[in-house]
C-alpha cells in the first residue's frame, strides 16, 4: 500500500487523532521515535500536539555504527534508502542543531541510551 502524502503529514495526523485518547488514559509522556529531517516536520508534529511540550532529542552514533545497524535491520531498497538518508543527515549536521537534547548511543545498549534520555528529560 502506497501513500501519496509525505509520511510526516500522516504521522502528524495520527498524533492529533490519538493524543486525546492518551491524555484520557492518563499518559503523561509520549515518545515518538523518528528521524526528523526538516524543521517543517518538527513544526507539523508541534502543531499536532498543540498545548503539549515538545522536546526533540538527537541520538548520536558514528556513521559506521549507523550503517552497521541499518544493515542488520534492513535489506534491499529500504536499506539503500536508509543508508543514503543516514549519510545526508550526518553530513548536514542539522539533526543536532535542531535538537533540544543530544544523547550518545555509540557503543551502548538501547537500554542505557534510553535511560540517559529519560534522565535528561527529568522523567526518571
PDB file of N, CA and C in Angstrom:
ATOM      1  N   UNK A   1       0.847  -1.170   0.000  1.00  0.00           N
ATOM      2  CA  UNK A   1       0.000   0.000   0.000  1.00  0.00           C
ATOM      3  C   UNK A   1       0.890   1.229   0.000  1.00  0.00           C
ATOM      4  N   UNK A   2       0.722   2.077  -0.985  1.00  0.00           N
ATOM      5  CA  UNK A   2       1.487   3.303  -1.089  1.00  0.00           C
ATOM      6  C   UNK A   2       0.760   4.461  -0.431  1.00  0.00           C
ATOM      7  N   UNK A   3       1.452   5.552  -0.305  1.00  0.00           N
ATOM      8  CA  UNK A   3       0.870   6.736   0.302  1.00  0.00           C
ATOM      9  C   UNK A   3       1.235   7.931  -0.566  1.00  0.00           C
ATOM     10  N   UNK A   4       0.237   8.739  -0.911  1.00  0.00           N
ATOM     11  CA  UNK A   4       0.505   9.876  -1.782  1.00  0.00           C
ATOM     12  C   UNK A   4       0.772  11.160  -0.999  1.00  0.00           C
ATOM     13  N   UNK A   5       0.922  11.042   0.317  1.00  0.00           N
ATOM     14  CA  UNK A   5       1.238  12.189   1.171  1.00  0.00           C
ATOM     15  C   UNK A   5       2.574  11.960   1.855  1.00  0.00           C
ATOM     16  N   UNK A   6       3.264  13.036   2.192  1.00  0.00           N
ATOM     17  CA  UNK A   6       4.503  12.860   2.958  1.00  0.00           C
ATOM     18  C   UNK A   6       4.221  12.140   4.275  1.00  0.00           C
ATOM     19  N   UNK A   7       5.092  11.217   4.641  1.00  0.00           N
ATOM     20  CA  UNK A   7       4.876  10.413   5.846  1.00  0.00           C
ATOM     21  C   UNK A   7       4.776  11.282   7.093  1.00  0.00           C
ATOM     22  N   UNK A   8       5.486  12.396   7.116  1.00  0.00           N
ATOM     23  CA  UNK A   8       5.409  13.279   8.287  1.00  0.00           C
ATOM     24  C   UNK A   8       4.006  13.840   8.476  1.00  0.00           C
ATOM     25  N   UNK A   9       3.298  14.113   7.385  1.00  0.00           N
ATOM     26  CA  UNK A   9       1.915  14.581   7.494  1.00  0.00           C
ATOM     27  C   UNK A   9       1.010  13.498   8.049  1.00  0.00           C
ATOM     28  N   UNK A  10       1.227  12.271   7.618  1.00  0.00           N
ATOM     29  CA  UNK A  10       0.434  11.142   8.117  1.00  0.00           C
ATOM     30  C   UNK A  10       0.693  10.942   9.605  1.00  0.00           C
ATOM     31  N   UNK A  11       1.956  11.010  10.002  1.00  0.00           N
ATOM     32  CA  UNK A  11       2.301  10.856  11.426  1.00  0.00           C
ATOM     33  C   UNK A  11       1.661  11.967  12.248  1.00  0.00           C
ATOM     34  N   UNK A  12       1.721  13.201  11.750  1.00  0.00           N
ATOM     35  CA  UNK A  12       1.115  14.328  12.471  1.00  0.00           C
ATOM     36  C   UNK A  12      -0.385  14.120  12.631  1.00  0.00           C
ATOM     37  N   UNK A  13      -1.055  13.665  11.588  1.00  0.00           N
ATOM     38  CA  UNK A  13      -2.490  13.385  11.674  1.00  0.00           C
ATOM     39  C   UNK A  13      -2.776  12.302  12.712  1.00  0.00           C
ATOM     40  N   UNK A  14      -1.945  11.271  12.728  1.00  0.00           N
ATOM     41  CA  UNK A  14      -2.123  10.193  13.700  1.00  0.00           C
ATOM     42  C   UNK A  14      -1.905  10.688  15.124  1.00  0.00           C
ATOM     43  N   UNK A  15      -0.884  11.526  15.328  1.00  0.00           N
ATOM     44  CA  UNK A  15      -0.644  12.095  16.656  1.00  0.00           C
ATOM     45  C   UNK A  15      -1.857  12.909  17.112  1.00  0.00           C
ATOM     46  N   UNK A  16      -2.351  13.733  16.233  1.00  0.00           N
ATOM     47  CA  UNK A  16      -3.518  14.566  16.529  1.00  0.00           C
ATOM     48  C   UNK A  16      -4.716  13.689  16.921  1.00  0.00           C
ATOM     49  N   UNK A  17      -4.873  12.561  16.247  1.00  0.00           N
ATOM     50  CA  UNK A  17      -6.009  11.674  16.499  1.00  0.00           C
ATOM     51  C   UNK A  17      -5.884  10.914  17.823  1.00  0.00           C
ATOM     52  N   UNK A  18      -4.686  10.483  18.171  1.00  0.00           N
ATOM     53  CA  UNK A  18      -4.540   9.642  19.369  1.00  0.00           C
ATOM     54  C   UNK A  18      -4.264  10.426  20.640  1.00  0.00           C
ATOM     55  N   UNK A  19      -3.815  11.674  20.531  1.00  0.00           N
ATOM     56  CA  UNK A  19      -3.442  12.439  21.712  1.00  0.00           C
ATOM     57  C   UNK A  19      -4.575  12.538  22.736  1.00  0.00           C
ATOM     58  N   UNK A  20      -5.817  12.821  22.342  1.00  0.00           N
ATOM     59  CA  UNK A  20      -6.891  12.869  23.351  1.00  0.00           C
ATOM     60  C   UNK A  20      -7.074  11.529  24.076  1.00  0.00           C
ATOM     61  N   UNK A  21      -6.930  10.432  23.355  1.00  0.00           N
ATOM     62  CA  UNK A  21      -7.059   9.112  23.991  1.00  0.00           C
ATOM     63  C   UNK A  21      -5.936   8.863  24.986  1.00  0.00           C
ATOM     64  N   UNK A  22      -4.718   9.252  24.616  1.00  0.00           N
ATOM     65  CA  UNK A  22      -3.584   9.083  25.527  1.00  0.00           C
ATOM     66  C   UNK A  22      -3.757   9.927  26.780  1.00  0.00           C
ATOM     67  N   UNK A  23      -4.157  11.180  26.583  1.00  0.00           N
ATOM     68  CA  UNK A  23      -4.402  12.059  27.738  1.00  0.00           C
ATOM     69  C   UNK A  23      -5.510  11.491  28.619  1.00  0.00           C
ATOM     70  N   UNK A  24      -6.588  11.013  27.984  1.00  0.00           N
ATOM     71  CA  UNK A  24      -7.708  10.445  28.728  1.00  0.00           C
ATOM     72  C   UNK A  24      -7.328   9.208  29.526  1.00  0.00           C
ATOM     73  N   UNK A  25      -6.342   8.489  29.040  1.00  0.00           N
ATOM     74  CA  UNK A  25      -5.874   7.285  29.737  1.00  0.00           C
ATOM     75  C   UNK A  25      -4.834   7.619  30.810  1.00  0.00           C
ATOM     76  N   UNK A  26      -4.488   8.901  30.919  1.00  0.00           N
ATOM     77  CA  UNK A  26      -3.547   9.309  31.965  1.00  0.00           C
ATOM     78  C   UNK A  26      -2.086   9.314  31.555  1.00  0.00           C
ATOM     79  N   UNK A  27      -1.814   9.153  30.274  1.00  0.00           N
ATOM     80  CA  UNK A  27      -0.421   9.173  29.832  1.00  0.00           C
ATOM     81  C   UNK A  27       0.166  10.562  30.062  1.00  0.00           C
ATOM     82  N   UNK A  28       1.318  10.587  30.685  1.00  0.00           N
ATOM     83  CA  UNK A  28       1.980  11.855  30.951  1.00  0.00           C
ATOM     84  C   UNK A  28       3.041  12.194  29.929  1.00  0.00           C
ATOM     85  N   UNK A  29       3.496  11.180  29.193  1.00  0.00           N
ATOM     86  CA  UNK A  29       4.575  11.366  28.237  1.00  0.00           C
ATOM     87  C   UNK A  29       4.324  10.538  26.987  1.00  0.00           C
ATOM     88  N   UNK A  30       4.888  10.981  25.889  1.00  0.00           N
ATOM     89  CA  UNK A  30       4.829  10.257  24.628  1.00  0.00           C
ATOM     90  C   UNK A  30       6.185  10.392  23.962  1.00  0.00           C
ATOM     91  N   UNK A  31       6.745   9.291  23.543  1.00  0.00           N
ATOM     92  CA  UNK A  31       7.997   9.315  22.798  1.00  0.00           C
ATOM     93  C   UNK A  31       7.716   8.816  21.395  1.00  0.00           C
ATOM     94  N   UNK A  32       8.009   9.647  20.420  1.00  0.00           N
ATOM     95  CA  UNK A  32       7.883   9.292  19.011  1.00  0.00           C
ATOM     96  C   UNK A  32       9.293   9.068  18.486  1.00  0.00           C
ATOM     97  N   UNK A  33       9.589   7.854  18.073  1.00  0.00           N
ATOM     98  CA  UNK A  33      10.911   7.561  17.528  1.00  0.00           C
ATOM     99  C   UNK A  33      10.849   7.720  16.026  1.00  0.00           C
ATOM    100  N   UNK A  34      11.583   8.703  15.548  1.00  0.00           N
ATOM    101  CA  UNK A  34      11.509   9.036  14.125  1.00  0.00           C
ATOM    102  C   UNK A  34      12.698   9.903  13.759  1.00  0.00           C
ATOM    103  N   UNK A  35      13.290   9.633  12.628  1.00  0.00           N
ATOM    104  CA  UNK A  35      14.300  10.536  12.097  1.00  0.00           C
ATOM    105  C   UNK A  35      13.564  11.754  11.566  1.00  0.00           C
ATOM    106  N   UNK A  36      13.891  12.908  12.105  1.00  0.00           N
ATOM    107  CA  UNK A  36      13.242  14.148  11.695  1.00  0.00           C
ATOM    108  C   UNK A  36      14.242  14.908  10.834  1.00  0.00           C
ATOM    109  N   UNK A  37      13.888  15.062   9.580  1.00  0.00           N
ATOM    110  CA  UNK A  37      14.840  15.598   8.620  1.00  0.00           C
ATOM    111  C   UNK A  37      14.717  17.092   8.374  1.00  0.00           C
ATOM    112  N   UNK A  38      13.560  17.684   8.682  1.00  0.00           N
ATOM    113  CA  UNK A  38      13.371  19.098   8.368  1.00  0.00           C
ATOM    114  C   UNK A  38      12.706  19.836   9.517  1.00  0.00           C
ATOM    115  N   UNK A  39      12.897  21.133   9.539  1.00  0.00           N
ATOM    116  CA  UNK A  39      12.193  21.965  10.518  1.00  0.00           C
ATOM    117  C   UNK A  39      10.691  21.915  10.271  1.00  0.00           C
ATOM    118  N   UNK A  40      10.280  21.762   9.035  1.00  0.00           N
ATOM    119  CA  UNK A  40       8.858  21.651   8.707  1.00  0.00           C
ATOM    120  C   UNK A  40       8.240  20.449   9.400  1.00  0.00           C
ATOM    121  N   UNK A  41       8.976  19.314   9.429  1.00  0.00           N
ATOM    122  CA  UNK A  41       8.474  18.126  10.128  1.00  0.00           C
ATOM    123  C   UNK A  41       8.264  18.425  11.607  1.00  0.00           C
ATOM    124  N   UNK A  42       9.228  19.102  12.216  1.00  0.00           N
ATOM    125  CA  UNK A  42       9.114  19.432  13.644  1.00  0.00           C
ATOM    126  C   UNK A  42       7.884  20.312  13.869  1.00  0.00           C
ATOM    127  N   UNK A  43       7.676  21.280  13.004  1.00  0.00           N
ATOM    128  CA  UNK A  43       6.524  22.163  13.162  1.00  0.00           C
ATOM    129  C   UNK A  43       5.205  21.419  12.948  1.00  0.00           C
ATOM    130  N   UNK A  44       5.184  20.457  12.024  1.00  0.00           N
ATOM    131  CA  UNK A  44       3.984  19.619  11.848  1.00  0.00           C
ATOM    132  C   UNK A  44       3.665  18.865  13.138  1.00  0.00           C
ATOM    133  N   UNK A  45       4.695  18.263  13.738  1.00  0.00           N
ATOM    134  CA  UNK A  45       4.492  17.498  14.973  1.00  0.00           C
ATOM    135  C   UNK A  45       4.112  18.430  16.124  1.00  0.00           C
ATOM    136  N   UNK A  46       4.755  19.593  16.182  1.00  0.00           N
ATOM    137  CA  UNK A  46       4.439  20.560  17.235  1.00  0.00           C
ATOM    138  C   UNK A  46       2.969  20.993  17.143  1.00  0.00           C
ATOM    139  N   UNK A  47       2.488  21.266  15.937  1.00  0.00           N
ATOM    140  CA  UNK A  47       1.092  21.656  15.737  1.00  0.00           C
ATOM    141  C   UNK A  47       0.146  20.508  16.098  1.00  0.00           C
ATOM    142  N   UNK A  48       0.561  19.288  15.817  1.00  0.00           N
ATOM    143  CA  UNK A  48      -0.284  18.121  16.096  1.00  0.00           C
ATOM    144  C   UNK A  48      -0.494  17.908  17.589  1.00  0.00           C
ATOM    145  N   UNK A  49       0.467  18.311  18.400  1.00  0.00           N
ATOM    146  CA  UNK A  49       0.365  18.133  19.853  1.00  0.00           C
ATOM    147  C   UNK A  49       0.240  19.488  20.544  1.00  0.00           C
ATOM    148  N   UNK A  50      -0.403  20.424  19.876  1.00  0.00           N
ATOM    149  CA  UNK A  50      -0.549  21.791  20.389  1.00  0.00           C
ATOM    150  C   UNK A  50      -0.955  21.781  21.855  1.00  0.00           C
ATOM    151  N   UNK A  51      -0.283  22.619  22.630  1.00  0.00           N
ATOM    152  CA  UNK A  51      -0.564  22.693  24.058  1.00  0.00           C
ATOM    153  C   UNK A  51       0.216  21.691  24.879  1.00  0.00           C
ATOM    154  N   UNK A  52       0.981  20.853  24.224  1.00  0.00           N
ATOM    155  CA  UNK A  52       1.798  19.852  24.897  1.00  0.00           C
ATOM    156  C   UNK A  52       3.267  20.179  24.626  1.00  0.00           C
ATOM    157  N   UNK A  53       4.089  20.216  25.666  1.00  0.00           N
ATOM    158  CA  UNK A  53       5.505  20.494  25.418  1.00  0.00           C
ATOM    159  C   UNK A  53       6.117  19.444  24.485  1.00  0.00           C
ATOM    160  N   UNK A  54       6.948  19.899  23.567  1.00  0.00           N
ATOM    161  CA  UNK A  54       7.609  19.000  22.619  1.00  0.00           C
ATOM    162  C   UNK A  54       9.108  19.217  22.716  1.00  0.00           C
ATOM    163  N   UNK A  55       9.830  18.146  22.970  1.00  0.00           N
ATOM    164  CA  UNK A  55      11.296  18.182  23.017  1.00  0.00           C
ATOM    165  C   UNK A  55      11.807  17.299  21.882  1.00  0.00           C
ATOM    166  N   UNK A  56      12.819  17.766  21.184  1.00  0.00           N
ATOM    167  CA  UNK A  56      13.429  16.995  20.106  1.00  0.00           C
ATOM    168  C   UNK A  56      14.779  16.483  20.610  1.00  0.00           C
ATOM    169  N   UNK A  57      14.929  15.169  20.585  1.00  0.00           N
ATOM    170  CA  UNK A  57      16.175  14.545  21.037  1.00  0.00           C
ATOM    171  C   UNK A  57      16.931  14.002  19.828  1.00  0.00           C
ATOM    172  N   UNK A  58      18.224  14.207  19.835  1.00  0.00           N
ATOM    173  CA  UNK A  58      19.090  13.661  18.777  1.00  0.00           C
ATOM    174  C   UNK A  58      19.933  12.565  19.411  1.00  0.00           C
ATOM    175  N   UNK A  59      19.757  11.345  18.934  1.00  0.00           N
ATOM    176  CA  UNK A  59      20.532  10.205  19.421  1.00  0.00           C
ATOM    177  C   UNK A  59      21.693  10.031  18.443  1.00  0.00           C
ATOM    178  N   UNK A  60      22.910  10.157  18.940  1.00  0.00           N
ATOM    179  CA  UNK A  60      24.073  10.150  18.061  1.00  0.00           C
ATOM    180  C   UNK A  60      24.788   8.805  18.061  1.00  0.00           C
ATOM    181  N   UNK A  61      25.422   8.526  16.942  1.00  0.00           N
ATOM    182  CA  UNK A  61      26.345   7.405  16.765  1.00  0.00           C
ATOM    183  C   UNK A  61      27.159   7.745  15.525  1.00  0.00           C
ATOM    184  N   UNK A  62      28.313   7.139  15.389  1.00  0.00           N
ATOM    185  CA  UNK A  62      29.125   7.401  14.208  1.00  0.00           C
ATOM    186  C   UNK A  62      28.454   6.789  12.983  1.00  0.00           C
ATOM    187  N   UNK A  63      28.780   7.324  11.827  1.00  0.00           N
ATOM    188  CA  UNK A  63      28.184   6.812  10.593  1.00  0.00           C
ATOM    189  C   UNK A  63      28.480   5.320  10.394  1.00  0.00           C
ATOM    190  N   UNK A  64      29.705   4.843  10.653  1.00  0.00           N
ATOM    191  CA  UNK A  64      29.921   3.393  10.522  1.00  0.00           C
ATOM    192  C   UNK A  64      29.020   2.558  11.438  1.00  0.00           C
ATOM    193  N   UNK A  65      28.775   3.041  12.641  1.00  0.00           N
ATOM    194  CA  UNK A  65      27.888   2.322  13.562  1.00  0.00           C
ATOM    195  C   UNK A  65      26.461   2.324  13.036  1.00  0.00           C
ATOM    196  N   UNK A  66      26.010   3.478  12.554  1.00  0.00           N
ATOM    197  CA  UNK A  66      24.653   3.574  12.000  1.00  0.00           C
ATOM    198  C   UNK A  66      24.504   2.639  10.806  1.00  0.00           C
ATOM    199  N   UNK A  67      25.501   2.644   9.923  1.00  0.00           N
ATOM    200  CA  UNK A  67      25.444   1.774   8.742  1.00  0.00           C
ATOM    201  C   UNK A  67      25.388   0.305   9.141  1.00  0.00           C
ATOM    202  N   UNK A  68      26.187  -0.080  10.123  1.00  0.00           N
ATOM    203  CA  UNK A  68      26.199  -1.480  10.577  1.00  0.00           C
ATOM    204  C   UNK A  68      24.839  -1.873  11.140  1.00  0.00           C
ATOM    205  N   UNK A  69      24.230  -0.995  11.906  1.00  0.00           N
ATOM    206  CA  UNK A  69      22.919  -1.278  12.487  1.00  0.00           C
ATOM    207  C   UNK A  69      21.841  -1.357  11.408  1.00  0.00           C
ATOM    208  N   UNK A  70      21.902  -0.449  10.437  1.00  0.00           N
ATOM    209  CA  UNK A  70      20.937  -0.495   9.342  1.00  0.00           C
ATOM    210  C   UNK A  70      21.063  -1.790   8.553  1.00  0.00           C
ATOM    211  N   UNK A  71      22.287  -2.249   8.323  1.00  0.00           N
ATOM    212  CA  UNK A  71      22.499  -3.493   7.572  1.00  0.00           C
ATOM    213  C   UNK A  71      21.940  -4.703   8.319  1.00  0.00           C
ATOM    214  N   UNK A  72      21.934  -4.658   9.633  1.00  0.00           N
ATOM    215  CA  UNK A  72      21.335  -5.737  10.419  1.00  0.00           C
ATOM    216  C   UNK A  72      19.821  -5.702  10.363  1.00  0.00           C
ATOM    217  N   UNK A  73      19.269  -4.509  10.226  1.00  0.00           N
ATOM    218  CA  UNK A  73      17.825  -4.320  10.310  1.00  0.00           C
ATOM    219  C   UNK A  73      17.116  -4.341   8.967  1.00  0.00           C
ATOM    220  N   UNK A  74      17.710  -3.723   7.958  1.00  0.00           N
ATOM    221  CA  UNK A  74      17.050  -3.504   6.676  1.00  0.00           C
ATOM    222  C   UNK A  74      17.687  -4.333   5.570  1.00  0.00           C
ATOM    223  N   UNK A  75      17.015  -4.343   4.429  1.00  0.00           N
ATOM    224  CA  UNK A  75      17.580  -5.001   3.245  1.00  0.00           C
ATOM    225  C   UNK A  75      17.003  -4.340   1.997  1.00  0.00           C
ATOM    226  N   UNK A  76      17.607  -4.639   0.857  1.00  0.00           N
ATOM    227  CA  UNK A  76      17.091  -4.185  -0.435  1.00  0.00           C
ATOM    228  C   UNK A  76      16.996  -2.679  -0.559  1.00  0.00           C
ATOM    229  N   UNK A  77      15.917  -2.241  -1.200  1.00  0.00           N
ATOM    230  CA  UNK A  77      15.711  -0.818  -1.469  1.00  0.00           C
ATOM    231  C   UNK A  77      15.585  -0.008  -0.182  1.00  0.00           C
ATOM    232  N   UNK A  78      14.969  -0.592   0.838  1.00  0.00           N
ATOM    233  CA  UNK A  78      14.828   0.107   2.116  1.00  0.00           C
ATOM    234  C   UNK A  78      16.199   0.382   2.722  1.00  0.00           C
ATOM    235  N   UNK A  79      17.075  -0.616   2.689  1.00  0.00           N
ATOM    236  CA  UNK A  79      18.430  -0.421   3.194  1.00  0.00           C
ATOM    237  C   UNK A  79      19.128   0.694   2.434  1.00  0.00           C
ATOM    238  N   UNK A  80      19.059   0.644   1.125  1.00  0.00           N
ATOM    239  CA  UNK A  80      19.737   1.664   0.316  1.00  0.00           C
ATOM    240  C   UNK A  80      19.204   3.058   0.632  1.00  0.00           C
ATOM    241  N   UNK A  81      17.889   3.173   0.756  1.00  0.00           N
ATOM    242  CA  UNK A  81      17.279   4.471   1.078  1.00  0.00           C
ATOM    243  C   UNK A  81      17.745   4.972   2.442  1.00  0.00           C
ATOM    244  N   UNK A  82      17.765   4.086   3.433  1.00  0.00           N
ATOM    245  CA  UNK A  82      18.169   4.478   4.776  1.00  0.00           C
ATOM    246  C   UNK A  82      19.660   4.809   4.857  1.00  0.00           C
ATOM    247  N   UNK A  83      20.489   4.113   4.084  1.00  0.00           N
ATOM    248  CA  UNK A  83      21.925   4.439   4.065  1.00  0.00           C
ATOM    249  C   UNK A  83      22.154   5.835   3.491  1.00  0.00           C
ATOM    250  N   UNK A  84      21.436   6.163   2.423  1.00  0.00           N
ATOM    251  CA  UNK A  84      21.555   7.499   1.829  1.00  0.00           C
ATOM    252  C   UNK A  84      21.075   8.554   2.827  1.00  0.00           C
ATOM    253  N   UNK A  85      19.936   8.305   3.463  1.00  0.00           N
ATOM    254  CA  UNK A  85      19.407   9.262   4.439  1.00  0.00           C
ATOM    255  C   UNK A  85      20.381   9.466   5.600  1.00  0.00           C
ATOM    256  N   UNK A  86      20.970   8.385   6.088  1.00  0.00           N
ATOM    257  CA  UNK A  86      21.912   8.488   7.206  1.00  0.00           C
ATOM    258  C   UNK A  86      23.117   9.337   6.825  1.00  0.00           C
ATOM    259  N   UNK A  87      23.635   9.107   5.633  1.00  0.00           N
ATOM    260  CA  UNK A  87      24.791   9.877   5.171  1.00  0.00           C
ATOM    261  C   UNK A  87      24.431  11.352   5.023  1.00  0.00           C
ATOM    262  N   UNK A  88      23.279  11.631   4.434  1.00  0.00           N
ATOM    263  CA  UNK A  88      22.849  13.022   4.260  1.00  0.00           C
ATOM    264  C   UNK A  88      22.637  13.718   5.598  1.00  0.00           C
ATOM    265  N   UNK A  89      21.995  13.034   6.535  1.00  0.00           N
ATOM    266  CA  UNK A  89      21.743  13.638   7.840  1.00  0.00           C
ATOM    267  C   UNK A  89      23.050  13.860   8.598  1.00  0.00           C
ATOM    268  N   UNK A  90      23.959  12.910   8.496  1.00  0.00           N
ATOM    269  CA  UNK A  90      25.254  13.036   9.169  1.00  0.00           C
ATOM    270  C   UNK A  90      26.042  14.210   8.615  1.00  0.00           C
ATOM    271  N   UNK A  91      26.077  14.337   7.300  1.00  0.00           N
ATOM    272  CA  UNK A  91      26.887  15.392   6.682  1.00  0.00           C
ATOM    273  C   UNK A  91      26.270  16.775   6.866  1.00  0.00           C
ATOM    274  N   UNK A  92      24.943  16.852   7.007  1.00  0.00           N
ATOM    275  CA  UNK A  92      24.297  18.159   7.145  1.00  0.00           C
ATOM    276  C   UNK A  92      24.488  18.753   8.535  1.00  0.00           C
ATOM    277  N   UNK A  93      24.565  17.887   9.553  1.00  0.00           N
ATOM    278  CA  UNK A  93      24.683  18.370  10.918  1.00  0.00           C
ATOM    279  C   UNK A  93      23.416  19.025  11.444  1.00  0.00           C
ATOM    280  N   UNK A  94      22.347  19.011  10.659  1.00  0.00           N
ATOM    281  CA  UNK A  94      21.132  19.699  11.054  1.00  0.00           C
ATOM    282  C   UNK A  94      20.385  19.010  12.184  1.00  0.00           C
ATOM    283  N   UNK A  95      20.480  17.703  12.278  1.00  0.00           N
ATOM    284  CA  UNK A  95      19.740  16.994  13.324  1.00  0.00           C
ATOM    285  C   UNK A  95      20.139  17.483  14.705  1.00  0.00           C
ATOM    286  N   UNK A  96      21.427  17.574  14.951  1.00  0.00           N
ATOM    287  CA  UNK A  96      21.888  18.048  16.254  1.00  0.00           C
ATOM    288  C   UNK A  96      21.540  19.514  16.457  1.00  0.00           C
ATOM    289  N   UNK A  97      21.610  20.302  15.399  1.00  0.00           N
ATOM    290  CA  UNK A  97      21.345  21.734  15.503  1.00  0.00           C
ATOM    291  C   UNK A  97      19.897  22.022  15.869  1.00  0.00           C
ATOM    292  N   UNK A  98      18.954  21.187  15.450  1.00  0.00           N
ATOM    293  CA  UNK A  98      17.537  21.440  15.731  1.00  0.00           C
ATOM    294  C   UNK A  98      17.060  20.689  16.968  1.00  0.00           C
ATOM    295  N   UNK A  99      17.972  20.092  17.713  1.00  0.00           N
ATOM    296  CA  UNK A  99      17.605  19.271  18.860  1.00  0.00           C
ATOM    297  C   UNK A  99      17.713  20.032  20.175  1.00  0.00           C
ATOM    298  N   UNK A 100      16.825  19.678  21.091  1.00  0.00           N
ATOM    299  CA  UNK A 100      16.875  20.224  22.442  1.00  0.00           C
ATOM    300  C   UNK A 100      17.822  19.415  23.323  1.00  0.00           C
ATOM    301  N   UNK A 101      17.954  18.136  22.999  1.00  0.00           N
ATOM    302  CA  UNK A 101      18.735  17.194  23.793  1.00  0.00           C
ATOM    303  C   UNK A 101      19.572  16.356  22.840  1.00  0.00           C
ATOM    304  N   UNK A 102      20.819  16.074  23.227  1.00  0.00           N
ATOM    305  CA  UNK A 102      21.670  15.180  22.447  1.00  0.00           C
ATOM    306  C   UNK A 102      22.177  14.091  23.386  1.00  0.00           C
ATOM    307  N   UNK A 103      21.973  12.830  22.977  1.00  0.00           N
ATOM    308  CA  UNK A 103      22.397  11.672  23.771  1.00  0.00           C
ATOM    309  C   UNK A 103      23.180  10.740  22.860  1.00  0.00           C
ATOM    310  N   UNK A 104      24.339  10.286  23.333  1.00  0.00           N
ATOM    311  CA  UNK A 104      25.166   9.372  22.540  1.00  0.00           C
ATOM    312  C   UNK A 104      24.679   7.936  22.682  1.00  0.00           C
ATOM    313  N   UNK A 105      24.688   7.226  21.550  1.00  0.00           N
ATOM    314  CA  UNK A 105      24.336   5.817  21.519  1.00  0.00           C
ATOM    315  C   UNK A 105      25.512   4.983  21.006  1.00  0.00           C
ATOM    316  N   UNK A 106      26.656   5.600  20.878  1.00  0.00           N
ATOM    317  CA  UNK A 106      27.837   4.910  20.351  1.00  0.00           C
ATOM    318  C   UNK A 106      28.342   3.888  21.360  1.00  0.00           C
ATOM    319  N   UNK A 107      28.376   2.624  20.936  1.00  0.00           N
ATOM    320  CA  UNK A 107      28.909   1.557  21.783  1.00  0.00           C
ATOM    321  C   UNK A 107      28.080   1.292  23.025  1.00  0.00           C
ATOM    322  N   UNK A 108      26.807   1.634  22.995  1.00  0.00           N
ATOM    323  CA  UNK A 108      25.951   1.479  24.159  1.00  0.00           C
ATOM    324  C   UNK A 108      24.713   0.669  23.796  1.00  0.00           C
ATOM    325  N   UNK A 109      24.090   0.124  24.807  1.00  0.00           N
ATOM    326  CA  UNK A 109      22.854  -0.610  24.583  1.00  0.00           C
ATOM    327  C   UNK A 109      21.693   0.372  24.434  1.00  0.00           C
ATOM    328  N   UNK A 110      20.629  -0.117  23.846  1.00  0.00           N
ATOM    329  CA  UNK A 110      19.414   0.685  23.720  1.00  0.00           C
ATOM    330  C   UNK A 110      18.923   1.084  25.114  1.00  0.00           C
ATOM    331  N   UNK A 111      18.983   0.151  26.056  1.00  0.00           N
ATOM    332  CA  UNK A 111      18.508   0.411  27.409  1.00  0.00           C
ATOM    333  C   UNK A 111      19.295   1.534  28.084  1.00  0.00           C
ATOM    334  N   UNK A 112      20.628   1.515  27.941  1.00  0.00           N
ATOM    335  CA  UNK A 112      21.455   2.571  28.536  1.00  0.00           C
ATOM    336  C   UNK A 112      21.157   3.928  27.911  1.00  0.00           C
ATOM    337  N   UNK A 113      21.024   3.934  26.597  1.00  0.00           N
ATOM    338  CA  UNK A 113      20.734   5.188  25.890  1.00  0.00           C
ATOM    339  C   UNK A 113      19.363   5.721  26.294  1.00  0.00           C
ATOM    340  N   UNK A 114      18.375   4.852  26.337  1.00  0.00           N
ATOM    341  CA  UNK A 114      17.024   5.269  26.737  1.00  0.00           C
ATOM    342  C   UNK A 114      17.023   5.794  28.166  1.00  0.00           C
ATOM    343  N   UNK A 115      17.761   5.135  29.038  1.00  0.00           N
ATOM    344  CA  UNK A 115      17.863   5.594  30.429  1.00  0.00           C
ATOM    345  C   UNK A 115      18.445   6.991  30.513  1.00  0.00           C
ATOM    346  N   UNK A 116      19.512   7.244  29.756  1.00  0.00           N
ATOM    347  CA  UNK A 116      20.102   8.588  29.731  1.00  0.00           C
ATOM    348  C   UNK A 116      19.114   9.621  29.216  1.00  0.00           C
ATOM    349  N   UNK A 117      18.386   9.266  28.166  1.00  0.00           N
ATOM    350  CA  UNK A 117      17.394  10.189  27.617  1.00  0.00           C
ATOM    351  C   UNK A 117      16.322  10.510  28.644  1.00  0.00           C
ATOM    352  N   UNK A 118      15.791   9.486  29.298  1.00  0.00           N
ATOM    353  CA  UNK A 118      14.747   9.705  30.283  1.00  0.00           C
ATOM    354  C   UNK A 118      15.247  10.528  31.463  1.00  0.00           C
ATOM    355  N   UNK A 119      16.483  10.300  31.892  1.00  0.00           N
ATOM    356  CA  UNK A 119      17.063  11.102  32.970  1.00  0.00           C
ATOM    357  C   UNK A 119      17.243  12.550  32.547  1.00  0.00           C
ATOM    358  N   UNK A 120      17.739  12.761  31.321  1.00  0.00           N
ATOM    359  CA  UNK A 120      17.942  14.121  30.812  1.00  0.00           C
ATOM    360  C   UNK A 120      16.614  14.862  30.718  1.00  0.00           C
ATOM    361  N   UNK A 121      15.552  14.168  30.335  1.00  0.00           N
ATOM    362  CA  UNK A 121      14.231  14.766  30.265  1.00  0.00           C
ATOM    363  C   UNK A 121      13.611  15.009  31.650  1.00  0.00           C
ATOM    364  N   UNK A 122      14.202  14.379  32.674  1.00  0.00           N
ATOM    365  CA  UNK A 122      13.653  14.501  34.025  1.00  0.00           C
ATOM    366  C   UNK A 122      12.478  13.585  34.265  1.00  0.00           C
ATOM    367  N   UNK A 123      12.356  12.536  33.445  1.00  0.00           N
ATOM    368  CA  UNK A 123      11.238  11.607  33.567  1.00  0.00           C
ATOM    369  C   UNK A 123      11.550  10.436  34.498  1.00  0.00           C
ATOM    370  N   UNK A 124      12.781  10.337  34.965  1.00  0.00           N
ATOM    371  CA  UNK A 124      13.142   9.290  35.932  1.00  0.00           C
ATOM    372  C   UNK A 124      13.536   9.921  37.239  1.00  0.00           C
TER     373      UNK A 124
END
